[in-house]
Amino acid sequence: MILLTALPSTRVCMSSKHQIDKLLEEYEVPQVVKDYFPCGWHHFDSEGRPLCVLRLG
C-alpha cells in the first residue's frame, strides 16, 4: 500500500524534473515522419485506448 501512495508524487516529480508537459506541448512531428507515416488519431476504443488510423495504399 505504501508503494501505491508514493507513485503519483514520484511521477509528478519526474514529470517536472524532465519537463514532460513542456515537451508534449511543444513537440512537432518531423516532416519526414509526416510524409512516410501518415496517420491520425480517431477517438477511443471500448477500453479507453486511443485509435490510430493508418492510410494504406
N, C-alpha and C. Protein backbone atom coordinates (compact mmCIF):
# COMPACT_ATOMS: atom_id res chain seq x y z
N MET A 1 0.82 -1.20 0.00
CA MET A 1 0.00 0.00 0.00
C MET A 1 0.86 1.26 0.00
N ILE A 2 1.98 1.22 0.64
CA ILE A 2 2.87 2.38 0.67
C ILE A 2 3.37 2.70 -0.73
N LEU A 3 3.66 1.68 -1.51
CA LEU A 3 4.14 1.88 -2.87
C LEU A 3 3.09 2.59 -3.72
N LEU A 4 1.83 2.22 -3.58
CA LEU A 4 0.77 2.84 -4.38
C LEU A 4 0.60 4.32 -4.07
N THR A 5 0.79 4.72 -2.82
CA THR A 5 0.65 6.14 -2.48
C THR A 5 1.87 6.94 -2.90
N ALA A 6 3.02 6.29 -3.03
CA ALA A 6 4.24 7.00 -3.39
C ALA A 6 4.34 7.24 -4.89
N LEU A 7 3.71 6.41 -5.70
CA LEU A 7 3.85 6.51 -7.15
C LEU A 7 3.37 7.84 -7.74
N PRO A 8 2.19 8.35 -7.42
CA PRO A 8 1.76 9.61 -8.05
C PRO A 8 2.71 10.78 -7.77
N SER A 9 3.21 10.90 -6.56
CA SER A 9 4.12 12.01 -6.27
C SER A 9 5.46 11.82 -6.99
N THR A 10 5.89 10.58 -7.16
CA THR A 10 7.12 10.31 -7.90
C THR A 10 6.95 10.70 -9.36
N ARG A 11 5.78 10.38 -9.94
CA ARG A 11 5.52 10.72 -11.33
C ARG A 11 5.50 12.23 -11.53
N VAL A 12 4.88 12.95 -10.61
CA VAL A 12 4.82 14.40 -10.71
C VAL A 12 6.21 15.00 -10.62
N CYS A 13 7.00 14.49 -9.70
CA CYS A 13 8.38 14.97 -9.54
C CYS A 13 9.19 14.69 -10.80
N MET A 14 9.07 13.48 -11.34
CA MET A 14 9.80 13.10 -12.54
C MET A 14 9.34 13.95 -13.72
N SER A 15 8.02 14.19 -13.82
CA SER A 15 7.48 14.98 -14.91
C SER A 15 8.00 16.40 -14.89
N SER A 16 8.04 17.02 -13.73
CA SER A 16 8.52 18.39 -13.65
C SER A 16 10.03 18.46 -13.82
N LYS A 17 10.74 17.46 -13.34
CA LYS A 17 12.21 17.45 -13.47
C LYS A 17 12.64 17.39 -14.93
N HIS A 18 11.94 16.57 -15.71
CA HIS A 18 12.32 16.39 -17.11
C HIS A 18 11.46 17.21 -18.07
N GLN A 19 10.62 18.09 -17.54
CA GLN A 19 9.78 19.00 -18.32
C GLN A 19 8.93 18.26 -19.37
N ILE A 20 8.28 17.17 -18.93
CA ILE A 20 7.47 16.36 -19.82
C ILE A 20 6.29 17.15 -20.38
N ASP A 21 5.63 17.96 -19.55
CA ASP A 21 4.48 18.73 -20.02
C ASP A 21 4.89 19.70 -21.12
N LYS A 22 6.04 20.33 -20.96
CA LYS A 22 6.54 21.27 -21.97
C LYS A 22 6.84 20.52 -23.27
N LEU A 23 7.43 19.35 -23.15
CA LEU A 23 7.75 18.55 -24.32
C LEU A 23 6.48 18.16 -25.08
N LEU A 24 5.45 17.74 -24.35
CA LEU A 24 4.20 17.34 -25.00
C LEU A 24 3.52 18.51 -25.69
N GLU A 25 3.64 19.70 -25.15
CA GLU A 25 3.01 20.88 -25.75
C GLU A 25 3.78 21.40 -26.96
N GLU A 26 5.11 21.34 -26.91
CA GLU A 26 5.92 21.98 -27.94
C GLU A 26 6.43 21.03 -29.02
N TYR A 27 6.26 19.71 -28.84
CA TYR A 27 6.80 18.76 -29.82
C TYR A 27 6.10 18.90 -31.16
N GLU A 28 6.88 18.92 -32.20
CA GLU A 28 6.34 18.98 -33.55
C GLU A 28 6.88 17.79 -34.32
N VAL A 29 6.00 17.06 -34.98
CA VAL A 29 6.38 15.87 -35.72
C VAL A 29 7.26 16.28 -36.91
N PRO A 30 8.43 15.64 -37.08
CA PRO A 30 9.29 15.97 -38.22
C PRO A 30 8.59 15.71 -39.56
N GLN A 31 8.94 16.47 -40.56
CA GLN A 31 8.30 16.37 -41.87
C GLN A 31 8.46 14.98 -42.48
N VAL A 32 9.60 14.36 -42.29
CA VAL A 32 9.82 13.02 -42.86
C VAL A 32 8.85 12.00 -42.26
N VAL A 33 8.49 12.15 -41.02
CA VAL A 33 7.51 11.26 -40.40
C VAL A 33 6.13 11.52 -40.99
N LYS A 34 5.79 12.80 -41.18
CA LYS A 34 4.50 13.14 -41.79
C LYS A 34 4.39 12.58 -43.21
N ASP A 35 5.50 12.63 -43.95
CA ASP A 35 5.50 12.18 -45.34
C ASP A 35 5.38 10.66 -45.47
N TYR A 36 6.09 9.92 -44.62
CA TYR A 36 6.18 8.48 -44.80
C TYR A 36 5.35 7.67 -43.81
N PHE A 37 4.72 8.30 -42.86
CA PHE A 37 3.88 7.59 -41.90
C PHE A 37 2.62 8.39 -41.64
N PRO A 38 1.78 8.53 -42.67
CA PRO A 38 0.55 9.31 -42.49
C PRO A 38 -0.46 8.54 -41.65
N CYS A 39 -0.91 9.15 -40.59
CA CYS A 39 -1.93 8.53 -39.75
C CYS A 39 -2.64 9.63 -38.97
N GLY A 40 -3.67 9.25 -38.27
CA GLY A 40 -4.40 10.21 -37.46
C GLY A 40 -5.05 9.51 -36.28
N TRP A 41 -5.25 10.24 -35.21
CA TRP A 41 -5.89 9.68 -34.02
C TRP A 41 -7.39 9.88 -34.14
N HIS A 42 -8.15 8.83 -33.84
CA HIS A 42 -9.59 8.87 -34.02
C HIS A 42 -10.28 8.29 -32.79
N HIS A 43 -10.71 9.12 -31.89
CA HIS A 43 -11.47 8.73 -30.70
C HIS A 43 -10.76 7.63 -29.89
N PHE A 44 -11.55 6.79 -29.20
CA PHE A 44 -11.02 5.74 -28.35
C PHE A 44 -11.83 4.47 -28.53
N ASP A 45 -11.21 3.31 -28.24
CA ASP A 45 -11.97 2.06 -28.31
C ASP A 45 -12.77 1.86 -27.03
N SER A 46 -13.44 0.71 -26.91
CA SER A 46 -14.33 0.46 -25.77
C SER A 46 -13.59 0.38 -24.43
N GLU A 47 -12.27 0.15 -24.47
CA GLU A 47 -11.48 0.07 -23.24
C GLU A 47 -10.72 1.35 -22.95
N GLY A 48 -10.94 2.39 -23.75
CA GLY A 48 -10.32 3.68 -23.49
C GLY A 48 -8.98 3.90 -24.16
N ARG A 49 -8.55 2.98 -25.01
CA ARG A 49 -7.28 3.14 -25.70
C ARG A 49 -7.46 4.00 -26.94
N PRO A 50 -6.52 4.91 -27.23
CA PRO A 50 -6.65 5.73 -28.45
C PRO A 50 -6.49 4.89 -29.70
N LEU A 51 -7.24 5.24 -30.75
CA LEU A 51 -7.18 4.52 -32.01
C LEU A 51 -6.38 5.33 -33.02
N CYS A 52 -5.43 4.70 -33.63
CA CYS A 52 -4.63 5.33 -34.67
C CYS A 52 -5.08 4.77 -36.01
N VAL A 53 -5.50 5.65 -36.90
CA VAL A 53 -5.97 5.25 -38.23
C VAL A 53 -4.84 5.46 -39.21
N LEU A 54 -4.44 4.37 -39.88
CA LEU A 54 -3.36 4.44 -40.86
C LEU A 54 -3.94 4.46 -42.26
N ARG A 55 -3.40 5.33 -43.10
CA ARG A 55 -3.81 5.39 -44.50
C ARG A 55 -2.91 4.45 -45.29
N LEU A 56 -3.49 3.44 -45.89
CA LEU A 56 -2.72 2.47 -46.66
C LEU A 56 -3.05 2.61 -48.14
N GLY A 57 -2.03 2.49 -48.96
CA GLY A 57 -2.24 2.50 -50.40
C GLY A 57 -2.25 3.83 -51.04
